[in-house]
Amino acid sequence: MSAFRPRDDEVHILWLSAGLGCDGDSVSLTAATQPSIEDLVLGSLPGLPRVRLHHPLLDFEVGDDFLRDWHRAARGELGAYILVLEGSVPNEELSGEGYWAAFGTDPATGQPIRTCEWIDRLAPGAWAVLAAGTCAAYGGIHAMEGNPTGAMGLADYLGDGWRSASGMPIVNLPGCPVKPDNLTETLLQLLMHRAGLVAEVPLDEMSRPRWLFNVTAREGCGRAGHNEQTDFAASYNSGACLAKLGCWGPVVDCNVGRRGWMSGIGGCAAVGGICIGCTMPGFPDRFMPFMDPPLNGRLTADLLRPHGAAVRTLRMITNAALRIEPEWRRPTRRPTTGTTPVPPPS
């Protein structure tokens, strides 16, 4: 058998889903449409390198056959690859004689390979590293105060200033789970950068794709107009603004209000749910308890009350004026039908 030789025009995506998570980001990957994961893997988009996805949910290979390329990557034999982590990184120094999370078995020892070990083996040689979801980016639910696992985000584990083999920082893509199209669009940008079609992916100060997180959840929200005229919902079956019910949308970096969830449809507020801040580094501790109205929501309601009443009154007056058809459109006599005159209304 000839030795394995990596292709120069090929990029592997190693999706490590063995972090502490719920697999929600994997589900999101299958829901993306702009582009879809099929578009990326099947070569539907011109100019991109060939993509080989290694995902425990989607790969047709299992067991040792599935792990073969992971071990090749760890030995530096696979070629260019993007390491994607789903789930937070546990602190194995706290696990005692056992372990918190593992993936596969080490053929040399017959022991499970802990998630931290995979990161140690694969991150240094990765062309790019992507933290998919809030758990991978910042620790998320599993990193709540008092958690026994010592869970943390990937950047906390690898350290400040860490860079991939290409000199790229970790790309954080938060969301609980990450929005489907945000995920595949970021992968697309990385692949286009690899092909030399675009410059390096622009990231903000929190290492997030800048164009995806430069808006708040309120911007584009279908309920925003109700907020400015102090029309606040008192229950979840209302179409008004949800700020007084605990929605954090005005202060949370998230584009779901503009883009929807899938195929431009859905999103938290669009389906009647409040924003709980799941894309933010302070989630969940700084947003709890979830259903209590945040201070900013109560203050906004109080401060806007006189302004909102005036805005609403002026809009109602203008609306009433615009409902009246102009006088010149109404003739003094009704039109005739054939040769029989139609008398004017009495």
C-alpha atoms as a PDB file:
ATOM      1  CA  MET A   1       0.000   0.000   0.000  1.00  0.00           C
ATOM      2  CA  SER A   2       1.371   3.414  -0.939  1.00  0.00           C
ATOM      3  CA  ALA A   3       1.969   6.006   1.759  1.00  0.00           C
ATOM      4  CA  PHE A   4      -0.751   8.568   2.381  1.00  0.00           C
ATOM      5  CA  ARG A   5       0.044  11.922   0.729  1.00  0.00           C
ATOM      6  CA  PRO A   6      -2.020  15.015   1.481  1.00  0.00           C
ATOM      7  CA  ARG A   7      -3.321  17.070  -1.428  1.00  0.00           C
ATOM      8  CA  ASP A   8      -2.324  20.716  -1.658  1.00  0.00           C
ATOM      9  CA  ASP A   9      -5.814  21.742  -2.841  1.00  0.00           C
ATOM     10  CA  GLU A  10      -7.617  19.921  -0.028  1.00  0.00           C
ATOM     11  CA  VAL A  11      -8.755  21.166   3.378  1.00  0.00           C
ATOM     12  CA  HIS A  12      -9.978  18.837   6.095  1.00  0.00           C
ATOM     13  CA  ILE A  13     -12.491  19.967   8.693  1.00  0.00           C
ATOM     14  CA  LEU A  14     -11.977  18.033  11.918  1.00  0.00           C
ATOM     15  CA  TRP A  15     -15.123  18.549  13.984  1.00  0.00           C
ATOM     16  CA  LEU A  16     -14.382  17.679  17.609  1.00  0.00           C
ATOM     17  CA  SER A  17     -17.753  17.361  19.313  1.00  0.00           C
ATOM     18  CA  ALA A  18     -16.341  15.792  22.486  1.00  0.00           C
ATOM     19  CA  GLY A  19     -16.375  18.994  24.510  1.00  0.00           C
ATOM     20  CA  LEU A  20     -18.988  19.516  27.211  1.00  0.00           C
ATOM     21  CA  GLY A  21     -22.034  20.364  25.104  1.00  0.00           C
ATOM     22  CA  CYS A  22     -25.452  19.316  23.888  1.00  0.00           C
ATOM     23  CA  ASP A  23     -24.645  18.713  20.180  1.00  0.00           C
ATOM     24  CA  GLY A  24     -26.873  21.676  19.299  1.00  0.00           C
ATOM     25  CA  ASP A  25     -24.150  23.181  17.111  1.00  0.00           C
ATOM     26  CA  SER A  26     -23.951  19.951  15.105  1.00  0.00           C
ATOM     27  CA  VAL A  27     -27.704  20.151  14.550  1.00  0.00           C
ATOM     28  CA  SER A  28     -27.305  23.768  13.449  1.00  0.00           C
ATOM     29  CA  LEU A  29     -24.687  22.714  10.913  1.00  0.00           C
ATOM     30  CA  THR A  30     -27.260  20.495   9.200  1.00  0.00           C
ATOM     31  CA  ALA A  31     -29.826  23.333   9.135  1.00  0.00           C
ATOM     32  CA  ALA A  32     -27.667  25.886   7.298  1.00  0.00           C
ATOM     33  CA  THR A  33     -28.763  27.005   3.836  1.00  0.00           C
ATOM     34  CA  GLN A  34     -26.586  30.032   2.943  1.00  0.00           C
ATOM     35  CA  PRO A  35     -24.424  28.124   2.261  1.00  0.00           C
ATOM     36  CA  SER A  36     -25.372  24.617   3.267  1.00  0.00           C
ATOM     37  CA  ILE A  37     -22.775  22.151   4.463  1.00  0.00           C
ATOM     38  CA  GLU A  38     -23.552  20.164   1.303  1.00  0.00           C
ATOM     39  CA  ASP A  39     -22.503  23.188  -0.781  1.00  0.00           C
ATOM     40  CA  LEU A  40     -19.126  23.242   0.940  1.00  0.00           C
ATOM     41  CA  VAL A  41     -18.436  19.510   0.898  1.00  0.00           C
ATOM     42  CA  LEU A  42     -19.720  18.710  -2.608  1.00  0.00           C
ATOM     43  CA  GLY A  43     -17.791  21.524  -4.288  1.00  0.00           C
ATOM     44  CA  SER A  44     -20.835  23.514  -5.401  1.00  0.00           C
ATOM     45  CA  LEU A  45     -19.067  26.849  -4.860  1.00  0.00           C
ATOM     46  CA  PRO A  46     -16.370  27.630  -7.447  1.00  0.00           C
ATOM     47  CA  GLY A  47     -12.821  28.520  -6.508  1.00  0.00           C
ATOM     48  CA  LEU A  48     -12.751  26.790  -3.141  1.00  0.00           C
ATOM     49  CA  PRO A  49     -10.376  23.993  -2.151  1.00  0.00           C
ATOM     50  CA  ARG A  50     -11.767  20.496  -1.905  1.00  0.00           C
ATOM     51  CA  VAL A  51     -13.339  19.963   1.520  1.00  0.00           C
ATOM     52  CA  ARG A  52     -13.319  16.750   3.514  1.00  0.00           C
ATOM     53  CA  LEU A  53     -15.534  16.862   6.593  1.00  0.00           C
ATOM     54  CA  HIS A  54     -14.762  14.553   9.514  1.00  0.00           C
ATOM     55  CA  HIS A  55     -17.806  14.739  11.766  1.00  0.00           C
ATOM     56  CA  PRO A  56     -18.978  11.937  14.105  1.00  0.00           C
ATOM     57  CA  LEU A  57     -22.611  12.664  13.232  1.00  0.00           C
ATOM     58  CA  LEU A  58     -22.265  12.986   9.452  1.00  0.00           C
ATOM     59  CA  ASP A  59     -19.311  10.805   8.484  1.00  0.00           C
ATOM     60  CA  PHE A  60     -20.077   7.388   6.982  1.00  0.00           C
ATOM     61  CA  GLU A  61     -16.903   5.929   8.502  1.00  0.00           C
ATOM     62  CA  VAL A  62     -16.945   4.684  12.101  1.00  0.00           C
ATOM     63  CA  GLY A  63     -14.541   3.358  14.724  1.00  0.00           C
ATOM     64  CA  ASP A  64     -10.885   3.057  13.785  1.00  0.00           C
ATOM     65  CA  ASP A  65     -11.605   3.985  10.168  1.00  0.00           C
ATOM     66  CA  PHE A  66     -13.119   7.280  11.286  1.00  0.00           C
ATOM     67  CA  LEU A  67     -10.220   8.074  13.617  1.00  0.00           C
ATOM     68  CA  ARG A  68      -7.507   7.311  11.059  1.00  0.00           C
ATOM     69  CA  ASP A  69      -7.311  10.857   9.717  1.00  0.00           C
ATOM     70  CA  TRP A  70      -7.430  12.316  13.210  1.00  0.00           C
ATOM     71  CA  HIS A  71      -4.286  10.393  14.099  1.00  0.00           C
ATOM     72  CA  ARG A  72      -2.699  11.453  10.800  1.00  0.00           C
ATOM     73  CA  ALA A  73      -3.409  15.079  11.674  1.00  0.00           C
ATOM     74  CA  ALA A  74      -1.854  14.617  15.101  1.00  0.00           C
ATOM     75  CA  ARG A  75       1.295  13.234  13.414  1.00  0.00           C
ATOM     76  CA  GLY A  76       1.411  16.114  10.927  1.00  0.00           C
ATOM     77  CA  GLU A  77       0.593  13.874   7.957  1.00  0.00           C
ATOM     78  CA  LEU A  78      -2.885  15.100   6.973  1.00  0.00           C
ATOM     79  CA  GLY A  79      -2.155  18.412   5.306  1.00  0.00           C
ATOM     80  CA  ALA A  80      -4.187  21.570   5.872  1.00  0.00           C
ATOM     81  CA  TYR A  81      -7.043  21.231   8.334  1.00  0.00           C
ATOM     82  CA  ILE A  82      -9.478  23.379  10.278  1.00  0.00           C
ATOM     83  CA  LEU A  83     -10.095  22.227  13.834  1.00  0.00           C
ATOM     84  CA  VAL A  84     -13.648  22.918  15.021  1.00  0.00           C
ATOM     85  CA  LEU A  85     -14.439  22.461  18.695  1.00  0.00           C
ATOM     86  CA  GLU A  86     -18.027  22.016  19.877  1.00  0.00           C
ATOM     87  CA  GLY A  87     -18.591  22.188  23.629  1.00  0.00           C
ATOM     88  CA  SER A  88     -16.525  23.639  26.459  1.00  0.00           C
ATOM     89  CA  VAL A  89     -13.137  22.393  27.605  1.00  0.00           C
ATOM     90  CA  PRO A  90     -13.136  20.660  31.002  1.00  0.00           C
ATOM     91  CA  ASN A  91     -10.342  21.005  33.494  1.00  0.00           C
ATOM     92  CA  GLU A  92      -9.049  17.446  33.750  1.00  0.00           C
ATOM     93  CA  GLU A  93      -6.934  18.353  36.776  1.00  0.00           C
ATOM     94  CA  LEU A  94     -10.222  18.231  38.700  1.00  0.00           C
ATOM     95  CA  SER A  95     -11.403  14.867  37.381  1.00  0.00           C
ATOM     96  CA  GLY A  96      -9.411  12.682  39.761  1.00  0.00           C
ATOM     97  CA  GLU A  97      -8.869   9.124  38.568  1.00  0.00           C
ATOM     98  CA  GLY A  98     -11.473   9.389  35.811  1.00  0.00           C
ATOM     99  CA  TYR A  99     -11.999  11.970  33.100  1.00  0.00           C
ATOM    100  CA  TRP A 100     -14.663  14.478  32.133  1.00  0.00           C
ATOM    101  CA  ALA A 101     -14.703  14.065  28.357  1.00  0.00           C
ATOM    102  CA  ALA A 102     -12.978  11.827  25.823  1.00  0.00           C
ATOM    103  CA  PHE A 103     -13.143  10.806  22.176  1.00  0.00           C
ATOM    104  CA  GLY A 104     -11.807   7.578  20.721  1.00  0.00           C
ATOM    105  CA  THR A 105      -9.116   5.255  22.059  1.00  0.00           C
ATOM    106  CA  ASP A 106      -5.361   5.585  21.939  1.00  0.00           C
ATOM    107  CA  PRO A 107      -4.042   2.524  20.011  1.00  0.00           C
ATOM    108  CA  ALA A 108      -0.786   2.644  21.937  1.00  0.00           C
ATOM    109  CA  THR A 109      -2.323   2.488  25.409  1.00  0.00           C
ATOM    110  CA  GLY A 110      -5.853   1.237  24.829  1.00  0.00           C
ATOM    111  CA  GLN A 111      -7.111   4.142  26.950  1.00  0.00           C
ATOM    112  CA  PRO A 112      -9.652   6.821  25.996  1.00  0.00           C
ATOM    113  CA  ILE A 113      -8.153   9.976  24.520  1.00  0.00           C
ATOM    114  CA  ARG A 114      -9.386  12.911  26.544  1.00  0.00           C
ATOM    115  CA  THR A 115     -10.765  15.959  24.750  1.00  0.00           C
ATOM    116  CA  CYS A 116      -7.962  18.089  26.179  1.00  0.00           C
ATOM    117  CA  GLU A 117      -5.411  15.688  24.718  1.00  0.00           C
ATOM    118  CA  TRP A 118      -6.957  15.994  21.269  1.00  0.00           C
ATOM    119  CA  ILE A 119      -6.782  19.772  21.523  1.00  0.00           C
ATOM    120  CA  ASP A 120      -3.139  19.567  22.608  1.00  0.00           C
ATOM    121  CA  ARG A 121      -2.336  17.281  19.674  1.00  0.00           C
ATOM    122  CA  LEU A 122      -4.322  19.019  16.948  1.00  0.00           C
ATOM    123  CA  ALA A 123      -4.436  22.744  17.710  1.00  0.00           C
ATOM    124  CA  PRO A 124      -0.711  23.474  17.110  1.00  0.00           C
ATOM    125  CA  GLY A 125      -0.808  22.068  13.559  1.00  0.00           C
ATOM    126  CA  ALA A 126      -4.233  23.418  12.563  1.00  0.00           C
ATOM    127  CA  TRP A 127      -4.372  25.940   9.747  1.00  0.00           C
ATOM    128  CA  ALA A 128      -7.333  27.531  11.553  1.00  0.00           C
ATOM    129  CA  VAL A 129      -9.246  26.847  14.768  1.00  0.00           C
ATOM    130  CA  LEU A 130     -12.949  27.587  15.178  1.00  0.00           C
ATOM    131  CA  ALA A 131     -14.851  27.571  18.484  1.00  0.00           C
ATOM    132  CA  ALA A 132     -18.415  26.702  17.448  1.00  0.00           C
ATOM    133  CA  GLY A 133     -21.012  27.803  19.969  1.00  0.00           C
ATOM    134  CA  THR A 134     -20.889  29.704  23.239  1.00  0.00           C
ATOM    135  CA  CYS A 135     -19.649  26.694  25.202  1.00  0.00           C
ATOM    136  CA  ALA A 136     -16.570  26.357  23.010  1.00  0.00           C
ATOM    137  CA  ALA A 137     -16.027  30.111  22.802  1.00  0.00           C
ATOM    138  CA  TYR A 138     -16.539  31.142  26.437  1.00  0.00           C
ATOM    139  CA  GLY A 139     -17.488  28.068  28.482  1.00  0.00           C
ATOM    140  CA  GLY A 140     -21.250  28.618  28.346  1.00  0.00           C
ATOM    141  CA  ILE A 141     -23.690  26.699  30.525  1.00  0.00           C
ATOM    142  CA  HIS A 142     -21.038  24.251  31.713  1.00  0.00           C
ATOM    143  CA  ALA A 143     -18.852  27.068  33.023  1.00  0.00           C
ATOM    144  CA  MET A 144     -21.494  28.453  35.373  1.00  0.00           C
ATOM    145  CA  GLU A 145     -20.308  29.424  38.830  1.00  0.00           C
ATOM    146  CA  GLY A 146     -19.901  26.356  41.008  1.00  0.00           C
ATOM    147  CA  ASN A 147     -19.632  23.809  38.199  1.00  0.00           C
ATOM    148  CA  PRO A 148     -17.530  20.779  39.197  1.00  0.00           C
ATOM    149  CA  THR A 149     -15.768  20.369  35.837  1.00  0.00           C
ATOM    150  CA  GLY A 150     -13.893  23.670  35.799  1.00  0.00           C
ATOM    151  CA  ALA A 151     -15.195  24.137  32.238  1.00  0.00           C
ATOM    152  CA  MET A 152     -13.799  26.959  30.134  1.00  0.00           C
ATOM    153  CA  GLY A 153     -13.738  28.305  26.602  1.00  0.00           C
ATOM    154  CA  LEU A 154     -11.101  27.256  24.085  1.00  0.00           C
ATOM    155  CA  ALA A 155      -9.244  30.561  24.312  1.00  0.00           C
ATOM    156  CA  ASP A 156      -9.101  30.225  28.104  1.00  0.00           C
ATOM    157  CA  TYR A 157      -7.573  26.775  27.662  1.00  0.00           C
ATOM    158  CA  LEU A 158      -5.042  27.645  24.948  1.00  0.00           C
ATOM    159  CA  GLY A 159      -4.176  31.024  26.449  1.00  0.00           C
ATOM    160  CA  ASP A 160      -4.323  34.673  25.411  1.00  0.00           C
ATOM    161  CA  GLY A 161      -2.561  35.475  22.187  1.00  0.00           C
ATOM    162  CA  TRP A 162      -2.661  31.904  20.887  1.00  0.00           C
ATOM    163  CA  ARG A 163      -2.271  31.577  17.113  1.00  0.00           C
ATOM    164  CA  SER A 164      -2.808  28.725  14.670  1.00  0.00           C
ATOM    165  CA  ALA A 165      -0.151  27.394  12.319  1.00  0.00           C
ATOM    166  CA  SER A 166      -1.141  30.099   9.815  1.00  0.00           C
ATOM    167  CA  GLY A 167      -0.888  32.839  12.433  1.00  0.00           C
ATOM    168  CA  MET A 168      -4.639  33.185  12.819  1.00  0.00           C
ATOM    169  CA  PRO A 169      -6.275  33.692  16.229  1.00  0.00           C
ATOM    170  CA  ILE A 170      -9.070  31.416  17.390  1.00  0.00           C
ATOM    171  CA  VAL A 171     -12.299  32.297  15.605  1.00  0.00           C
ATOM    172  CA  ASN A 172     -15.079  32.508  18.192  1.00  0.00           C
ATOM    173  CA  LEU A 173     -18.570  31.879  16.889  1.00  0.00           C
ATOM    174  CA  PRO A 174     -20.899  32.104  19.897  1.00  0.00           C
ATOM    175  CA  GLY A 175     -24.555  31.111  20.095  1.00  0.00           C
ATOM    176  CA  CYS A 176     -26.475  28.556  22.112  1.00  0.00           C
ATOM    177  CA  PRO A 177     -26.519  26.997  19.649  1.00  0.00           C
ATOM    178  CA  VAL A 178     -24.689  28.956  16.977  1.00  0.00           C
ATOM    179  CA  LYS A 179     -26.941  30.268  14.226  1.00  0.00           C
ATOM    180  CA  PRO A 180     -26.751  27.842  11.262  1.00  0.00           C
ATOM    181  CA  ASP A 181     -25.825  30.292   8.500  1.00  0.00           C
ATOM    182  CA  ASN A 182     -23.355  32.118  10.755  1.00  0.00           C
ATOM    183  CA  LEU A 183     -21.505  28.820  11.078  1.00  0.00           C
ATOM    184  CA  THR A 184     -21.295  27.834   7.427  1.00  0.00           C
ATOM    185  CA  GLU A 185     -20.669  31.398   6.284  1.00  0.00           C
ATOM    186  CA  THR A 186     -17.677  31.613   8.599  1.00  0.00           C
ATOM    187  CA  LEU A 187     -16.366  28.290   7.289  1.00  0.00           C
ATOM    188  CA  LEU A 188     -16.880  29.657   3.778  1.00  0.00           C
ATOM    189  CA  GLN A 189     -14.835  32.769   4.614  1.00  0.00           C
ATOM    190  CA  LEU A 190     -12.031  30.618   5.989  1.00  0.00           C
ATOM    191  CA  LEU A 191     -12.021  28.469   2.855  1.00  0.00           C
ATOM    192  CA  MET A 192     -12.047  31.555   0.611  1.00  0.00           C
ATOM    193  CA  HIS A 193      -9.124  32.946   2.577  1.00  0.00           C
ATOM    194  CA  ARG A 194      -7.301  29.638   2.158  1.00  0.00           C
ATOM    195  CA  ALA A 195      -7.891  29.869  -1.615  1.00  0.00           C
ATOM    196  CA  GLY A 196      -6.582  33.442  -1.694  1.00  0.00           C
ATOM    197  CA  LEU A 197      -9.950  34.869  -2.717  1.00  0.00           C
ATOM    198  CA  VAL A 198     -10.361  37.143   0.328  1.00  0.00           C
ATOM    199  CA  ALA A 199      -8.167  38.640   2.992  1.00  0.00           C
ATOM    200  CA  GLU A 200      -8.034  37.210   6.487  1.00  0.00           C
ATOM    201  CA  VAL A 201     -11.407  36.883   8.203  1.00  0.00           C
ATOM    202  CA  PRO A 202     -12.087  40.198  10.008  1.00  0.00           C
ATOM    203  CA  LEU A 203     -12.527  39.625  13.728  1.00  0.00           C
ATOM    204  CA  ASP A 204     -13.617  41.998  16.489  1.00  0.00           C
ATOM    205  CA  GLU A 205     -11.977  42.476  19.884  1.00  0.00           C
ATOM    206  CA  MET A 206     -13.589  39.240  21.135  1.00  0.00           C
ATOM    207  CA  SER A 207     -12.289  37.297  18.115  1.00  0.00           C
ATOM    208  CA  ARG A 208     -15.770  37.001  16.565  1.00  0.00           C
ATOM    209  CA  PRO A 209     -16.476  37.512  12.832  1.00  0.00           C
ATOM    210  CA  ARG A 210     -16.986  41.266  12.818  1.00  0.00           C
ATOM    211  CA  TRP A 211     -19.735  41.396  10.199  1.00  0.00           C
ATOM    212  CA  LEU A 212     -21.900  38.928  12.134  1.00  0.00           C
ATOM    213  CA  PHE A 213     -21.721  40.556  15.565  1.00  0.00           C
ATOM    214  CA  ASN A 214     -21.730  44.291  14.840  1.00  0.00           C
ATOM    215  CA  VAL A 215     -25.474  44.585  15.542  1.00  0.00           C
ATOM    216  CA  THR A 216     -27.691  43.913  18.530  1.00  0.00           C
ATOM    217  CA  ALA A 217     -30.552  41.448  18.615  1.00  0.00           C
ATOM    218  CA  ARG A 218     -32.981  44.391  18.776  1.00  0.00           C
ATOM    219  CA  GLU A 219     -31.791  45.772  15.440  1.00  0.00           C
ATOM    220  CA  GLY A 220     -34.034  44.114  12.905  1.00  0.00           C
ATOM    221  CA  CYS A 221     -36.377  42.730  15.568  1.00  0.00           C
ATOM    222  CA  GLY A 222     -39.989  42.816  14.429  1.00  0.00           C
ATOM    223  CA  ARG A 223     -41.027  44.097  17.865  1.00  0.00           C
ATOM    224  CA  ALA A 224     -38.643  47.084  17.980  1.00  0.00           C
ATOM    225  CA  GLY A 225     -41.307  49.578  16.892  1.00  0.00           C
ATOM    226  CA  HIS A 226     -43.407  48.649  19.909  1.00  0.00           C
ATOM    227  CA  ASN A 227     -40.494  49.446  22.224  1.00  0.00           C
ATOM    228  CA  GLU A 228     -40.079  53.050  21.167  1.00  0.00           C
ATOM    229  CA  GLN A 229     -43.743  53.801  21.731  1.00  0.00           C
ATOM    230  CA  THR A 230     -43.764  51.952  25.090  1.00  0.00           C
ATOM    231  CA  ASP A 231     -46.031  49.175  23.970  1.00  0.00           C
ATOM    232  CA  PHE A 232     -44.701  46.446  26.255  1.00  0.00           C
ATOM    233  CA  ALA A 233     -46.069  42.924  26.443  1.00  0.00           C
ATOM    234  CA  ALA A 234     -47.587  41.759  29.697  1.00  0.00           C
ATOM    235  CA  SER A 235     -47.634  38.103  28.623  1.00  0.00           C
ATOM    236  CA  TYR A 236     -45.953  35.879  26.040  1.00  0.00           C
ATOM    237  CA  ASN A 237     -49.018  35.684  23.798  1.00  0.00           C
ATOM    238  CA  SER A 238     -48.619  39.354  22.904  1.00  0.00           C
ATOM    239  CA  GLY A 239     -47.029  40.781  19.771  1.00  0.00           C
ATOM    240  CA  ALA A 240     -45.616  43.783  21.651  1.00  0.00           C
ATOM    241  CA  CYS A 241     -42.049  44.371  22.909  1.00  0.00           C
ATOM    242  CA  LEU A 242     -40.815  41.743  25.361  1.00  0.00           C
ATOM    243  CA  ALA A 243     -38.352  43.963  27.271  1.00  0.00           C
ATOM    244  CA  LYS A 244     -40.390  43.962  30.487  1.00  0.00           C
ATOM    245  CA  LEU A 245     -40.675  40.179  30.377  1.00  0.00           C
ATOM    246  CA  GLY A 246     -36.915  39.725  30.524  1.00  0.00           C
ATOM    247  CA  CYS A 247     -35.689  40.263  26.934  1.00  0.00           C
ATOM    248  CA  TRP A 248     -32.044  41.376  26.700  1.00  0.00           C
ATOM    249  CA  GLY A 249     -32.160  42.065  22.942  1.00  0.00           C
ATOM    250  CA  PRO A 250     -31.243  45.787  23.064  1.00  0.00           C
ATOM    251  CA  VAL A 251     -27.828  45.075  24.629  1.00  0.00           C
ATOM    252  CA  VAL A 252     -26.854  41.682  23.159  1.00  0.00           C
ATOM    253  CA  ASP A 253     -24.558  41.272  20.139  1.00  0.00           C
ATOM    254  CA  CYS A 254     -26.509  39.004  17.788  1.00  0.00           C
ATOM    255  CA  ASN A 255     -27.740  39.194  14.199  1.00  0.00           C
ATOM    256  CA  VAL A 256     -30.724  36.851  14.535  1.00  0.00           C
ATOM    257  CA  GLY A 257     -33.153  39.793  14.501  1.00  0.00           C
ATOM    258  CA  ARG A 258     -32.002  40.736  11.017  1.00  0.00           C
ATOM    259  CA  ARG A 259     -31.228  37.340   9.550  1.00  0.00           C
ATOM    260  CA  GLY A 260     -33.741  35.048  11.186  1.00  0.00           C
ATOM    261  CA  TRP A 261     -32.819  31.561  12.244  1.00  0.00           C
ATOM    262  CA  MET A 262     -33.118  29.358   9.158  1.00  0.00           C
ATOM    263  CA  SER A 263     -33.804  30.482   5.576  1.00  0.00           C
ATOM    264  CA  GLY A 264     -34.543  33.972   6.926  1.00  0.00           C
ATOM    265  CA  ILE A 265     -37.344  32.690   9.141  1.00  0.00           C
ATOM    266  CA  GLY A 266     -37.623  32.512  12.924  1.00  0.00           C
ATOM    267  CA  GLY A 267     -35.407  33.795  15.666  1.00  0.00           C
ATOM    268  CA  CYS A 268     -36.059  34.096  19.390  1.00  0.00           C
ATOM    269  CA  ALA A 269     -38.301  37.173  19.486  1.00  0.00           C
ATOM    270  CA  ALA A 270     -39.898  36.323  16.143  1.00  0.00           C
ATOM    271  CA  VAL A 271     -41.434  33.191  17.641  1.00  0.00           C
ATOM    272  CA  GLY A 272     -42.367  34.841  20.944  1.00  0.00           C
ATOM    273  CA  GLY A 273     -39.291  34.080  23.034  1.00  0.00           C
ATOM    274  CA  ILE A 274     -37.134  36.535  24.935  1.00  0.00           C
ATOM    275  CA  CYS A 275     -33.424  37.054  24.261  1.00  0.00           C
ATOM    276  CA  ILE A 276     -31.440  35.524  27.132  1.00  0.00           C
ATOM    277  CA  GLY A 277     -28.043  36.749  25.894  1.00  0.00           C
ATOM    278  CA  CYS A 278     -26.683  33.391  24.776  1.00  0.00           C
ATOM    279  CA  THR A 279     -24.098  34.879  22.391  1.00  0.00           C
ATOM    280  CA  MET A 280     -22.357  36.938  25.072  1.00  0.00           C
ATOM    281  CA  PRO A 281     -19.216  36.045  27.058  1.00  0.00           C
ATOM    282  CA  GLY A 282     -21.096  36.702  30.317  1.00  0.00           C
ATOM    283  CA  PHE A 283     -23.729  34.052  29.543  1.00  0.00           C
ATOM    284  CA  PRO A 284     -25.336  32.533  31.545  1.00  0.00           C
ATOM    285  CA  ASP A 285     -24.281  33.943  34.931  1.00  0.00           C
ATOM    286  CA  ARG A 286     -24.779  37.630  34.108  1.00  0.00           C
ATOM    287  CA  PHE A 287     -28.227  37.011  32.632  1.00  0.00           C
ATOM    288  CA  MET A 288     -29.807  35.001  35.417  1.00  0.00           C
ATOM    289  CA  PRO A 289     -32.503  34.459  36.467  1.00  0.00           C
ATOM    290  CA  PHE A 290     -33.599  34.338  32.834  1.00  0.00           C
ATOM    291  CA  MET A 291     -37.263  35.255  33.225  1.00  0.00           C
ATOM    292  CA  ASP A 292     -36.755  38.275  35.486  1.00  0.00           C
ATOM    293  CA  PRO A 293     -36.959  41.650  33.701  1.00  0.00           C
ATOM    294  CA  PRO A 294     -33.429  43.096  33.413  1.00  0.00           C
ATOM    295  CA  LEU A 295     -32.728  46.489  34.955  1.00  0.00           C
ATOM    296  CA  ASN A 296     -32.240  48.049  31.529  1.00  0.00           C
ATOM    297  CA  GLY A 297     -35.685  46.854  30.487  1.00  0.00           C
ATOM    298  CA  ARG A 298     -37.389  48.394  33.510  1.00  0.00           C
ATOM    299  CA  LEU A 299     -35.478  51.669  33.201  1.00  0.00           C
ATOM    300  CA  THR A 300     -36.183  51.879  29.476  1.00  0.00           C
ATOM    301  CA  ALA A 301     -39.888  51.379  30.091  1.00  0.00           C
ATOM    302  CA  ASP A 302     -39.979  54.133  32.736  1.00  0.00           C
ATOM    303  CA  LEU A 303     -37.854  56.612  30.781  1.00  0.00           C
ATOM    304  CA  LEU A 304     -39.718  56.085  27.523  1.00  0.00           C
ATOM    305  CA  ARG A 305     -43.212  56.261  28.990  1.00  0.00           C
ATOM    306  CA  PRO A 306     -43.896  60.003  28.364  1.00  0.00           C
ATOM    307  CA  HIS A 307     -41.974  60.000  25.099  1.00  0.00           C
ATOM    308  CA  GLY A 308     -43.657  56.826  23.921  1.00  0.00           C
ATOM    309  CA  ALA A 309     -47.124  58.154  24.719  1.00  0.00           C
ATOM    310  CA  ALA A 310     -46.460  61.274  22.648  1.00  0.00           C
ATOM    311  CA  VAL A 311     -45.013  59.272  19.752  1.00  0.00           C
ATOM    312  CA  ARG A 312     -47.955  56.883  19.784  1.00  0.00           C
ATOM    313  CA  THR A 313     -50.502  59.753  19.834  1.00  0.00           C
ATOM    314  CA  LEU A 314     -48.832  61.582  16.951  1.00  0.00           C
ATOM    315  CA  ARG A 315     -48.670  58.384  14.915  1.00  0.00           C
ATOM    316  CA  MET A 316     -52.360  57.683  15.518  1.00  0.00           C
ATOM    317  CA  ILE A 317     -53.269  61.201  14.369  1.00  0.00           C
ATOM    318  CA  THR A 318     -51.153  60.849  11.248  1.00  0.00           C
ATOM    319  CA  ASN A 319     -52.508  57.372  10.603  1.00  0.00           C
ATOM    320  CA  ALA A 320     -56.092  58.652  10.816  1.00  0.00           C
ATOM    321  CA  ALA A 321     -55.323  61.427   8.295  1.00  0.00           C
ATOM    322  CA  LEU A 322     -53.773  58.981   5.864  1.00  0.00           C
ATOM    323  CA  ARG A 323     -56.841  56.755   5.927  1.00  0.00           C
ATOM    324  CA  ILE A 324     -58.943  59.426   4.193  1.00  0.00           C
ATOM    325  CA  GLU A 325     -59.027  59.249   0.416  1.00  0.00           C
ATOM    326  CA  PRO A 326     -58.309  62.599  -1.320  1.00  0.00           C
ATOM    327  CA  GLU A 327     -61.407  64.586  -2.264  1.00  0.00           C
ATOM    328  CA  TRP A 328     -60.484  64.881  -5.954  1.00  0.00           C
ATOM    329  CA  ARG A 329     -60.793  61.129  -6.382  1.00  0.00           C
ATOM    330  CA  ARG A 330     -64.517  61.163  -5.566  1.00  0.00           C
ATOM    331  CA  PRO A 331     -66.728  62.438  -8.455  1.00  0.00           C
ATOM    332  CA  THR A 332     -69.958  64.341  -7.799  1.00  0.00           C
ATOM    333  CA  ARG A 333     -71.870  61.763  -9.808  1.00  0.00           C
ATOM    334  CA  ARG A 334     -71.286  58.054 -10.001  1.00  0.00           C
ATOM    335  CA  PRO A 335     -70.072  56.669 -13.341  1.00  0.00           C
ATOM    336  CA  THR A 336     -72.718  55.495 -15.779  1.00  0.00           C
ATOM    337  CA  THR A 337     -73.085  51.899 -16.830  1.00  0.00           C
ATOM    338  CA  GLY A 338     -74.049  51.599 -20.514  1.00  0.00           C
ATOM    339  CA  THR A 339     -76.777  54.123 -21.361  1.00  0.00           C
ATOM    340  CA  THR A 340     -78.551  54.036 -18.016  1.00  0.00           C
ATOM    341  CA  PRO A 341     -77.514  56.954 -15.767  1.00  0.00           C
ATOM    342  CA  VAL A 342     -76.689  56.073 -12.197  1.00  0.00           C
ATOM    343  CA  PRO A 343     -78.153  58.586  -9.725  1.00  0.00           C
ATOM    344  CA  PRO A 344     -75.853  60.123  -7.178  1.00  0.00           C
ATOM    345  CA  PRO A 345     -76.083  58.901  -3.624  1.00  0.00           C
ATOM    346  CA  SER A 346     -78.761  60.618  -1.517  1.00  0.00           C
END
